[in-house]
Amino acid sequence: MNYLEDIFTAENKTLSMNRIEWWLLKYEKEFKNVDKIESAKHIFLDNDGTVLRLPPTLKPNQNNKFLDLFNALDKLSNFYKFEEYFGQQMKEYDKIKTSKLELRNWLTKNEKLGADKFVCFLLDYLDYDEEDKVEHLSIFVLSAPEMDILVNRADFKNTIKFLKTFNEIYWNDEKIAKKN
């Protein structure tokens, strides 16, 4: 399986979302097949007839690394679907930021995304050991921590701007963000 060769190019180790989405489409069928094979492993019957699937105890194999990489990139792709929406929300924010009432309504409208679905986004993808090295989104693959996967930050500029703005108001400004 040449899945790693397909996603990374020799000249550029920073991925674009276009490349990631192309890769996800290309390997979708392969993912389903490998997932089916790996899911069938480590299945045991308990004494009472209950089917148990135990986690593998050995080092991750290439299939596990492929599945984890696919899942990590697919999760990021699902976040990317909100990029346009967040751009629209930042335009709206710029128009209403001086009105506490409208700002409170804006927070309420975006609370499910900002305080729930995307609550860990900045930590998951932009939390580096050294603050001055933060540039691109970093993707962590559990079964292959040696993979150094970076995604172009510009692809998520609206998401990052929205989350920083939302978090600053929602978590720090009690006068506006009256949380019950």
N, C-alpha and C. Protein backbone atom coordinates (compact mmCIF):
# COMPACT_ATOMS: atom_id res chain seq x y z
N MET A 1 0.85 -1.17 0.00
CA MET A 1 0.00 0.00 0.00
C MET A 1 0.90 1.24 0.00
N ASN A 2 0.72 2.11 -0.97
CA ASN A 2 1.53 3.32 -1.11
C ASN A 2 0.83 4.56 -0.58
N TYR A 3 0.03 4.37 0.43
CA TYR A 3 -0.78 5.49 0.90
C TYR A 3 0.05 6.67 1.40
N LEU A 4 1.21 6.41 2.00
CA LEU A 4 2.05 7.51 2.47
C LEU A 4 2.71 8.24 1.32
N GLU A 5 3.14 7.49 0.32
CA GLU A 5 3.76 8.11 -0.85
C GLU A 5 2.76 8.99 -1.60
N ASP A 6 1.51 8.58 -1.59
CA ASP A 6 0.48 9.34 -2.30
C ASP A 6 0.13 10.66 -1.62
N ILE A 7 0.22 10.71 -0.33
CA ILE A 7 -0.20 11.93 0.35
C ILE A 7 0.92 12.95 0.47
N PHE A 8 2.12 12.48 0.65
CA PHE A 8 3.25 13.40 0.78
C PHE A 8 3.99 13.51 -0.55
N THR A 9 4.41 14.71 -0.86
CA THR A 9 5.26 14.89 -2.03
C THR A 9 6.66 15.22 -1.53
N ALA A 10 7.64 14.90 -2.32
CA ALA A 10 9.03 15.11 -1.91
C ALA A 10 9.33 16.58 -1.64
N GLU A 11 8.73 17.45 -2.42
CA GLU A 11 9.04 18.87 -2.29
C GLU A 11 8.24 19.58 -1.19
N ASN A 12 7.16 18.98 -0.73
CA ASN A 12 6.33 19.68 0.24
C ASN A 12 5.77 18.70 1.27
N LYS A 13 6.18 18.87 2.52
CA LYS A 13 5.69 18.02 3.60
C LYS A 13 4.47 18.63 4.31
N THR A 14 4.11 19.87 3.95
CA THR A 14 2.92 20.49 4.52
C THR A 14 1.76 20.23 3.56
N LEU A 15 0.73 19.61 4.09
CA LEU A 15 -0.40 19.21 3.25
C LEU A 15 -1.45 20.31 3.15
N SER A 16 -2.11 20.34 2.02
CA SER A 16 -3.27 21.22 1.85
C SER A 16 -4.53 20.38 2.06
N MET A 17 -5.62 21.02 2.38
CA MET A 17 -6.87 20.28 2.54
C MET A 17 -7.33 19.70 1.21
N ASN A 18 -7.01 20.34 0.09
CA ASN A 18 -7.35 19.76 -1.21
C ASN A 18 -6.67 18.41 -1.38
N ARG A 19 -5.41 18.33 -1.02
CA ARG A 19 -4.67 17.07 -1.15
C ARG A 19 -5.22 16.02 -0.19
N ILE A 20 -5.54 16.43 1.01
CA ILE A 20 -6.09 15.49 1.99
C ILE A 20 -7.43 14.94 1.51
N GLU A 21 -8.29 15.80 1.01
CA GLU A 21 -9.60 15.34 0.57
C GLU A 21 -9.49 14.45 -0.67
N TRP A 22 -8.54 14.74 -1.54
CA TRP A 22 -8.27 13.86 -2.69
C TRP A 22 -7.84 12.49 -2.18
N TRP A 23 -6.92 12.48 -1.21
CA TRP A 23 -6.39 11.24 -0.66
C TRP A 23 -7.50 10.43 0.01
N LEU A 24 -8.36 11.10 0.78
CA LEU A 24 -9.47 10.40 1.44
C LEU A 24 -10.39 9.74 0.42
N LEU A 25 -10.68 10.44 -0.66
CA LEU A 25 -11.52 9.85 -1.72
C LEU A 25 -10.82 8.67 -2.38
N LYS A 26 -9.55 8.83 -2.65
CA LYS A 26 -8.80 7.76 -3.32
C LYS A 26 -8.75 6.49 -2.48
N TYR A 27 -8.61 6.63 -1.16
CA TYR A 27 -8.42 5.47 -0.29
C TYR A 27 -9.67 5.06 0.49
N GLU A 28 -10.81 5.64 0.17
CA GLU A 28 -12.03 5.32 0.90
C GLU A 28 -12.39 3.84 0.82
N LYS A 29 -12.35 3.28 -0.37
CA LYS A 29 -12.68 1.86 -0.54
C LYS A 29 -11.66 0.98 0.17
N GLU A 30 -10.39 1.32 0.04
CA GLU A 30 -9.33 0.58 0.72
C GLU A 30 -9.52 0.64 2.24
N PHE A 31 -9.89 1.80 2.74
CA PHE A 31 -10.14 1.98 4.16
C PHE A 31 -11.24 1.02 4.64
N LYS A 32 -12.33 0.96 3.90
CA LYS A 32 -13.44 0.09 4.29
C LYS A 32 -13.02 -1.38 4.30
N ASN A 33 -12.23 -1.79 3.32
CA ASN A 33 -11.75 -3.18 3.26
C ASN A 33 -10.81 -3.49 4.42
N VAL A 34 -9.85 -2.63 4.65
CA VAL A 34 -8.87 -2.85 5.73
C VAL A 34 -9.57 -2.81 7.09
N ASP A 35 -10.51 -1.90 7.24
CA ASP A 35 -11.26 -1.79 8.49
C ASP A 35 -12.03 -3.08 8.77
N LYS A 36 -12.62 -3.64 7.74
CA LYS A 36 -13.37 -4.89 7.89
C LYS A 36 -12.44 -6.02 8.33
N ILE A 37 -11.26 -6.09 7.72
CA ILE A 37 -10.28 -7.13 8.05
C ILE A 37 -9.79 -6.96 9.49
N GLU A 38 -9.41 -5.74 9.84
CA GLU A 38 -8.87 -5.50 11.19
C GLU A 38 -9.94 -5.64 12.27
N SER A 39 -11.17 -5.30 11.95
CA SER A 39 -12.26 -5.42 12.92
C SER A 39 -12.56 -6.88 13.25
N ALA A 40 -12.28 -7.76 12.30
CA ALA A 40 -12.55 -9.18 12.52
C ALA A 40 -11.49 -9.84 13.38
N LYS A 41 -10.36 -9.17 13.56
CA LYS A 41 -9.29 -9.72 14.39
C LYS A 41 -9.59 -9.48 15.87
N HIS A 42 -9.00 -10.31 16.70
CA HIS A 42 -9.07 -10.14 18.15
C HIS A 42 -10.49 -10.27 18.69
N ILE A 43 -11.31 -11.07 18.01
CA ILE A 43 -12.67 -11.32 18.47
C ILE A 43 -12.70 -12.67 19.16
N PHE A 44 -13.29 -12.67 20.35
CA PHE A 44 -13.33 -13.88 21.16
C PHE A 44 -14.73 -14.08 21.70
N LEU A 45 -15.05 -15.34 21.98
CA LEU A 45 -16.32 -15.67 22.62
C LEU A 45 -16.07 -15.88 24.10
N ASP A 46 -16.85 -15.21 24.92
CA ASP A 46 -16.77 -15.38 26.36
C ASP A 46 -17.49 -16.68 26.72
N ASN A 47 -17.31 -17.15 27.93
CA ASN A 47 -17.94 -18.40 28.37
C ASN A 47 -19.46 -18.36 28.26
N ASP A 48 -20.04 -17.18 28.40
CA ASP A 48 -21.49 -17.06 28.32
C ASP A 48 -21.99 -16.82 26.89
N GLY A 49 -21.08 -16.85 25.92
CA GLY A 49 -21.45 -16.68 24.53
C GLY A 49 -21.37 -15.24 24.04
N THR A 50 -21.00 -14.32 24.91
CA THR A 50 -20.86 -12.92 24.54
C THR A 50 -19.64 -12.75 23.64
N VAL A 51 -19.82 -11.98 22.57
CA VAL A 51 -18.72 -11.70 21.65
C VAL A 51 -17.94 -10.50 22.18
N LEU A 52 -16.63 -10.68 22.31
CA LEU A 52 -15.76 -9.62 22.80
C LEU A 52 -14.72 -9.28 21.74
N ARG A 53 -14.48 -8.01 21.56
CA ARG A 53 -13.38 -7.59 20.69
C ARG A 53 -12.36 -6.92 21.58
N LEU A 54 -11.19 -7.56 21.71
CA LEU A 54 -10.14 -7.03 22.56
C LEU A 54 -9.16 -6.21 21.73
N PRO A 55 -8.56 -5.21 22.34
CA PRO A 55 -7.59 -4.41 21.59
C PRO A 55 -6.33 -5.23 21.31
N PRO A 56 -5.67 -4.96 20.20
CA PRO A 56 -4.44 -5.69 19.90
C PRO A 56 -3.36 -5.38 20.94
N THR A 57 -2.57 -6.38 21.26
CA THR A 57 -1.53 -6.20 22.27
C THR A 57 -0.15 -6.02 21.64
N LEU A 58 -0.04 -6.26 20.36
CA LEU A 58 1.24 -6.11 19.69
C LEU A 58 1.41 -4.70 19.14
N LYS A 59 2.60 -4.43 18.64
CA LYS A 59 2.83 -3.13 18.01
C LYS A 59 1.88 -2.97 16.83
N PRO A 60 1.46 -1.74 16.56
CA PRO A 60 0.56 -1.52 15.42
C PRO A 60 1.21 -1.95 14.11
N ASN A 61 0.43 -2.59 13.27
CA ASN A 61 0.94 -2.98 11.96
C ASN A 61 0.60 -1.88 10.94
N GLN A 62 0.99 -2.09 9.70
CA GLN A 62 0.74 -1.08 8.66
C GLN A 62 -0.74 -0.80 8.49
N ASN A 63 -1.56 -1.83 8.62
CA ASN A 63 -3.01 -1.62 8.50
C ASN A 63 -3.53 -0.70 9.60
N ASN A 64 -3.06 -0.91 10.84
CA ASN A 64 -3.48 -0.05 11.95
C ASN A 64 -3.06 1.40 11.70
N LYS A 65 -1.85 1.58 11.21
CA LYS A 65 -1.35 2.93 10.93
C LYS A 65 -2.18 3.59 9.82
N PHE A 66 -2.50 2.82 8.79
CA PHE A 66 -3.33 3.35 7.71
C PHE A 66 -4.70 3.76 8.24
N LEU A 67 -5.33 2.89 9.02
CA LEU A 67 -6.67 3.19 9.56
C LEU A 67 -6.64 4.44 10.46
N ASP A 68 -5.64 4.52 11.32
CA ASP A 68 -5.55 5.68 12.21
C ASP A 68 -5.28 6.97 11.43
N LEU A 69 -4.42 6.89 10.41
CA LEU A 69 -4.15 8.06 9.58
C LEU A 69 -5.41 8.49 8.86
N PHE A 70 -6.10 7.54 8.27
CA PHE A 70 -7.34 7.85 7.55
C PHE A 70 -8.34 8.52 8.49
N ASN A 71 -8.53 7.93 9.67
CA ASN A 71 -9.49 8.50 10.64
C ASN A 71 -9.09 9.90 11.08
N ALA A 72 -7.80 10.13 11.32
CA ALA A 72 -7.34 11.45 11.74
C ALA A 72 -7.57 12.49 10.65
N LEU A 73 -7.28 12.12 9.41
CA LEU A 73 -7.48 13.07 8.31
C LEU A 73 -8.96 13.27 8.00
N ASP A 74 -9.74 12.22 8.15
CA ASP A 74 -11.18 12.34 7.94
C ASP A 74 -11.81 13.25 8.99
N LYS A 75 -11.36 13.15 10.22
CA LYS A 75 -11.85 14.03 11.29
C LYS A 75 -11.53 15.48 10.95
N LEU A 76 -10.31 15.73 10.49
CA LEU A 76 -9.93 17.09 10.11
C LEU A 76 -10.76 17.58 8.92
N SER A 77 -11.02 16.69 7.98
CA SER A 77 -11.84 17.03 6.81
C SER A 77 -13.25 17.44 7.24
N ASN A 78 -13.78 16.76 8.24
CA ASN A 78 -15.10 17.13 8.75
C ASN A 78 -15.09 18.50 9.41
N PHE A 79 -14.01 18.83 10.09
CA PHE A 79 -13.87 20.18 10.65
C PHE A 79 -13.78 21.22 9.53
N TYR A 80 -13.09 20.86 8.47
CA TYR A 80 -12.87 21.79 7.36
C TYR A 80 -14.18 22.21 6.69
N LYS A 81 -15.20 21.40 6.80
CA LYS A 81 -16.49 21.71 6.20
C LYS A 81 -17.12 22.97 6.79
N PHE A 82 -16.62 23.41 7.94
CA PHE A 82 -17.16 24.60 8.60
C PHE A 82 -16.37 25.86 8.27
N GLU A 83 -15.31 25.75 7.49
CA GLU A 83 -14.44 26.89 7.20
C GLU A 83 -15.21 28.06 6.59
N GLU A 84 -16.04 27.81 5.62
CA GLU A 84 -16.81 28.88 4.98
C GLU A 84 -17.79 29.50 5.98
N TYR A 85 -18.45 28.66 6.75
CA TYR A 85 -19.39 29.16 7.76
C TYR A 85 -18.69 30.09 8.74
N PHE A 86 -17.50 29.68 9.20
CA PHE A 86 -16.78 30.52 10.16
C PHE A 86 -16.36 31.84 9.53
N GLY A 87 -16.05 31.85 8.25
CA GLY A 87 -15.75 33.09 7.55
C GLY A 87 -16.95 34.03 7.57
N GLN A 88 -18.13 33.46 7.32
CA GLN A 88 -19.37 34.25 7.36
C GLN A 88 -19.63 34.79 8.77
N GLN A 89 -19.38 33.94 9.77
CA GLN A 89 -19.61 34.35 11.15
C GLN A 89 -18.66 35.47 11.58
N MET A 90 -17.44 35.48 11.06
CA MET A 90 -16.51 36.55 11.41
C MET A 90 -16.92 37.86 10.75
N LYS A 91 -17.51 37.80 9.56
CA LYS A 91 -18.04 39.02 8.93
C LYS A 91 -19.20 39.56 9.75
N GLU A 92 -20.05 38.65 10.21
CA GLU A 92 -21.17 39.06 11.05
C GLU A 92 -20.65 39.65 12.36
N TYR A 93 -19.67 39.01 12.95
CA TYR A 93 -19.08 39.50 14.21
C TYR A 93 -18.56 40.93 14.05
N ASP A 94 -17.87 41.19 12.95
CA ASP A 94 -17.33 42.53 12.72
C ASP A 94 -18.42 43.59 12.70
N LYS A 95 -19.62 43.21 12.26
CA LYS A 95 -20.73 44.17 12.19
C LYS A 95 -21.39 44.39 13.55
N ILE A 96 -21.34 43.36 14.42
CA ILE A 96 -22.13 43.43 15.66
C ILE A 96 -21.28 43.52 16.93
N LYS A 97 -20.00 43.55 16.81
CA LYS A 97 -19.12 43.42 17.99
C LYS A 97 -19.28 44.53 19.03
N THR A 98 -19.88 45.63 18.69
CA THR A 98 -20.06 46.71 19.66
C THR A 98 -21.39 46.62 20.42
N SER A 99 -22.26 45.72 20.01
CA SER A 99 -23.56 45.56 20.66
C SER A 99 -23.55 44.31 21.55
N LYS A 100 -23.68 44.52 22.85
CA LYS A 100 -23.67 43.38 23.78
C LYS A 100 -24.81 42.40 23.50
N LEU A 101 -25.97 42.92 23.21
CA LEU A 101 -27.12 42.06 22.96
C LEU A 101 -26.92 41.22 21.70
N GLU A 102 -26.50 41.85 20.62
CA GLU A 102 -26.26 41.11 19.38
C GLU A 102 -25.10 40.14 19.53
N LEU A 103 -24.11 40.53 20.29
CA LEU A 103 -22.96 39.65 20.53
C LEU A 103 -23.38 38.42 21.35
N ARG A 104 -24.25 38.65 22.32
CA ARG A 104 -24.77 37.53 23.12
C ARG A 104 -25.56 36.58 22.22
N ASN A 105 -26.36 37.13 21.31
CA ASN A 105 -27.12 36.29 20.37
C ASN A 105 -26.18 35.52 19.45
N TRP A 106 -25.10 36.17 19.02
CA TRP A 106 -24.09 35.53 18.16
C TRP A 106 -23.43 34.36 18.89
N LEU A 107 -23.10 34.58 20.17
CA LEU A 107 -22.52 33.50 20.98
C LEU A 107 -23.49 32.33 21.12
N THR A 108 -24.73 32.66 21.40
CA THR A 108 -25.75 31.62 21.58
C THR A 108 -25.91 30.81 20.29
N LYS A 109 -25.95 31.50 19.17
CA LYS A 109 -26.11 30.83 17.88
C LYS A 109 -24.93 29.89 17.60
N ASN A 110 -23.74 30.26 18.04
CA ASN A 110 -22.53 29.49 17.73
C ASN A 110 -22.02 28.64 18.90
N GLU A 111 -22.78 28.61 19.98
CA GLU A 111 -22.34 27.91 21.18
C GLU A 111 -22.10 26.42 20.95
N LYS A 112 -22.98 25.77 20.22
CA LYS A 112 -22.84 24.33 19.97
C LYS A 112 -21.52 24.03 19.26
N LEU A 113 -21.14 24.87 18.31
CA LEU A 113 -19.89 24.67 17.59
C LEU A 113 -18.68 25.09 18.44
N GLY A 114 -18.71 26.32 18.95
CA GLY A 114 -17.55 26.87 19.64
C GLY A 114 -17.24 26.23 20.98
N ALA A 115 -18.28 25.88 21.74
CA ALA A 115 -18.07 25.35 23.08
C ALA A 115 -18.26 23.84 23.16
N ASP A 116 -18.56 23.22 22.04
CA ASP A 116 -18.77 21.76 22.05
C ASP A 116 -17.97 21.09 20.94
N LYS A 117 -18.45 21.17 19.72
CA LYS A 117 -17.82 20.46 18.61
C LYS A 117 -16.36 20.86 18.38
N PHE A 118 -16.05 22.14 18.50
CA PHE A 118 -14.70 22.65 18.23
C PHE A 118 -13.94 23.04 19.49
N VAL A 119 -14.44 22.64 20.66
CA VAL A 119 -13.84 23.11 21.92
C VAL A 119 -12.37 22.73 22.04
N CYS A 120 -11.95 21.62 21.50
CA CYS A 120 -10.54 21.18 21.62
C CYS A 120 -9.73 21.39 20.33
N PHE A 121 -10.32 21.99 19.34
CA PHE A 121 -9.65 22.13 18.04
C PHE A 121 -8.29 22.79 18.15
N LEU A 122 -8.22 23.95 18.80
CA LEU A 122 -6.95 24.67 18.90
C LEU A 122 -5.91 23.88 19.67
N LEU A 123 -6.34 23.18 20.71
CA LEU A 123 -5.41 22.34 21.48
C LEU A 123 -4.97 21.11 20.68
N ASP A 124 -5.90 20.50 20.00
CA ASP A 124 -5.58 19.29 19.25
C ASP A 124 -4.64 19.54 18.08
N TYR A 125 -4.80 20.66 17.41
CA TYR A 125 -4.05 20.89 16.18
C TYR A 125 -3.00 21.99 16.23
N LEU A 126 -3.08 22.88 17.22
CA LEU A 126 -2.12 23.99 17.27
C LEU A 126 -1.38 24.07 18.60
N ASP A 127 -1.41 23.02 19.39
CA ASP A 127 -0.74 23.02 20.68
C ASP A 127 0.65 22.41 20.52
N TYR A 128 1.65 23.26 20.49
CA TYR A 128 3.03 22.84 20.32
C TYR A 128 3.78 23.01 21.63
N ASP A 129 4.87 22.26 21.79
CA ASP A 129 5.70 22.41 22.98
C ASP A 129 6.35 23.78 23.02
N GLU A 130 6.72 24.28 21.87
CA GLU A 130 7.39 25.58 21.80
C GLU A 130 6.48 26.56 21.04
N GLU A 131 6.02 27.56 21.74
CA GLU A 131 5.04 28.50 21.20
C GLU A 131 5.48 29.18 19.90
N ASP A 132 6.77 29.46 19.77
CA ASP A 132 7.25 30.16 18.58
C ASP A 132 7.27 29.27 17.34
N LYS A 133 7.03 27.98 17.49
CA LYS A 133 7.03 27.08 16.34
C LYS A 133 5.63 26.86 15.76
N VAL A 134 4.61 27.44 16.38
CA VAL A 134 3.25 27.25 15.91
C VAL A 134 3.09 27.93 14.55
N GLU A 135 2.86 27.12 13.56
CA GLU A 135 2.61 27.68 12.24
C GLU A 135 1.47 26.93 11.57
N HIS A 136 1.66 25.65 11.36
CA HIS A 136 0.65 24.84 10.68
C HIS A 136 -0.05 23.92 11.67
N LEU A 137 -1.14 23.32 11.23
CA LEU A 137 -1.85 22.37 12.08
C LEU A 137 -1.05 21.08 12.12
N SER A 138 -0.93 20.52 13.30
CA SER A 138 -0.18 19.28 13.48
C SER A 138 -1.17 18.14 13.72
N ILE A 139 -1.01 17.07 12.95
CA ILE A 139 -1.90 15.92 13.05
C ILE A 139 -1.18 14.81 13.79
N PHE A 140 -1.79 14.32 14.86
CA PHE A 140 -1.21 13.23 15.64
C PHE A 140 -1.91 11.93 15.26
N VAL A 141 -1.10 10.92 14.93
CA VAL A 141 -1.63 9.59 14.61
C VAL A 141 -1.16 8.66 15.71
N LEU A 142 -2.10 8.17 16.51
CA LEU A 142 -1.78 7.40 17.70
C LEU A 142 -0.85 6.22 17.43
N SER A 143 -1.15 5.45 16.40
CA SER A 143 -0.35 4.25 16.13
C SER A 143 0.96 4.56 15.41
N ALA A 144 1.14 5.81 15.02
CA ALA A 144 2.36 6.20 14.30
C ALA A 144 2.79 7.61 14.72
N PRO A 145 3.19 7.77 15.99
CA PRO A 145 3.57 9.11 16.46
C PRO A 145 4.80 9.67 15.74
N GLU A 146 5.51 8.79 15.05
CA GLU A 146 6.69 9.24 14.31
C GLU A 146 6.32 10.02 13.04
N MET A 147 5.08 9.91 12.61
CA MET A 147 4.63 10.66 11.44
C MET A 147 4.55 12.14 11.81
N ASP A 148 5.20 12.95 11.06
CA ASP A 148 5.17 14.39 11.30
C ASP A 148 4.29 15.02 10.22
N ILE A 149 3.00 15.12 10.52
CA ILE A 149 2.04 15.58 9.53
C ILE A 149 1.61 17.00 9.85
N LEU A 150 1.84 17.88 8.91
CA LEU A 150 1.45 19.28 9.06
C LEU A 150 0.46 19.64 7.96
N VAL A 151 -0.54 20.42 8.32
CA VAL A 151 -1.55 20.87 7.37
C VAL A 151 -1.50 22.40 7.32
N ASN A 152 -1.57 22.92 6.12
CA ASN A 152 -1.45 24.35 5.90
C ASN A 152 -2.45 25.13 6.76
N ARG A 153 -1.92 25.98 7.59
CA ARG A 153 -2.74 26.79 8.50
C ARG A 153 -3.71 27.69 7.74
N ALA A 154 -3.31 28.17 6.58
CA ALA A 154 -4.17 29.07 5.80
C ALA A 154 -5.49 28.41 5.42
N ASP A 155 -5.51 27.10 5.31
CA ASP A 155 -6.75 26.39 4.97
C ASP A 155 -7.79 26.50 6.09
N PHE A 156 -7.34 26.83 7.30
CA PHE A 156 -8.23 26.94 8.46
C PHE A 156 -8.21 28.34 9.07
N LYS A 157 -7.87 29.34 8.26
CA LYS A 157 -7.73 30.70 8.81
C LYS A 157 -9.03 31.20 9.43
N ASN A 158 -10.18 30.92 8.81
CA ASN A 158 -11.46 31.37 9.36
C ASN A 158 -11.81 30.62 10.64
N THR A 159 -11.53 29.33 10.66
CA THR A 159 -11.81 28.51 11.84
C THR A 159 -10.99 29.00 13.02
N ILE A 160 -9.71 29.23 12.79
CA ILE A 160 -8.82 29.67 13.86
C ILE A 160 -9.24 31.05 14.37
N LYS A 161 -9.51 31.96 13.46
CA LYS A 161 -9.92 33.32 13.85
C LYS A 161 -11.23 33.28 14.63
N PHE A 162 -12.19 32.50 14.13
CA PHE A 162 -13.48 32.37 14.81
C PHE A 162 -13.29 31.82 16.22
N LEU A 163 -12.54 30.72 16.34
CA LEU A 163 -12.38 30.08 17.65
C LEU A 163 -11.66 30.97 18.64
N LYS A 164 -10.66 31.69 18.19
CA LYS A 164 -9.96 32.61 19.11
C LYS A 164 -10.91 33.71 19.58
N THR A 165 -11.70 34.24 18.67
CA THR A 165 -12.66 35.29 19.02
C THR A 165 -13.75 34.73 19.94
N PHE A 166 -14.33 33.63 19.54
CA PHE A 166 -15.40 33.00 20.32
C PHE A 166 -14.91 32.66 21.72
N ASN A 167 -13.75 32.02 21.81
CA ASN A 167 -13.22 31.61 23.12
C ASN A 167 -12.95 32.81 24.03
N GLU A 168 -12.40 33.85 23.47
CA GLU A 168 -12.09 35.03 24.27
C GLU A 168 -13.36 35.60 24.89
N ILE A 169 -14.42 35.67 24.12
CA ILE A 169 -15.67 36.24 24.63
C ILE A 169 -16.40 35.23 25.52
N TYR A 170 -16.56 34.02 25.02
CA TYR A 170 -17.38 33.01 25.70
C TYR A 170 -16.80 32.61 27.06
N TRP A 171 -15.51 32.41 27.12
CA TRP A 171 -14.90 31.91 28.35
C TRP A 171 -14.39 33.02 29.26
N ASN A 172 -14.20 34.24 28.73
CA ASN A 172 -13.57 35.29 29.54
C ASN A 172 -14.42 36.51 29.81
N ASP A 173 -15.46 36.75 29.04
CA ASP A 173 -16.25 37.97 29.21
C ASP A 173 -17.62 37.62 29.80
N GLU A 174 -17.69 37.59 31.12
CA GLU A 174 -18.92 37.17 31.79
C GLU A 174 -20.08 38.14 31.58
N LYS A 175 -19.79 39.39 31.29
CA LYS A 175 -20.86 40.37 31.07
C LYS A 175 -21.65 40.06 29.81
N ILE A 176 -20.96 39.51 28.81
CA ILE A 176 -21.63 39.19 27.55
C ILE A 176 -22.09 37.74 27.51
N ALA A 177 -21.26 36.85 27.97
CA ALA A 177 -21.51 35.42 27.80
C ALA A 177 -22.26 34.81 28.98
N LYS A 178 -23.29 35.43 29.46
CA LYS A 178 -24.05 34.92 30.59
C LYS A 178 -24.35 33.43 30.40
N LYS A 179 -23.56 32.62 31.05
CA LYS A 179 -23.76 31.16 30.97
C LYS A 179 -24.60 30.72 32.16
N ASN A 180 -25.58 29.88 31.89
CA ASN A 180 -26.44 29.39 32.98
C ASN A 180 -25.95 28.06 33.48
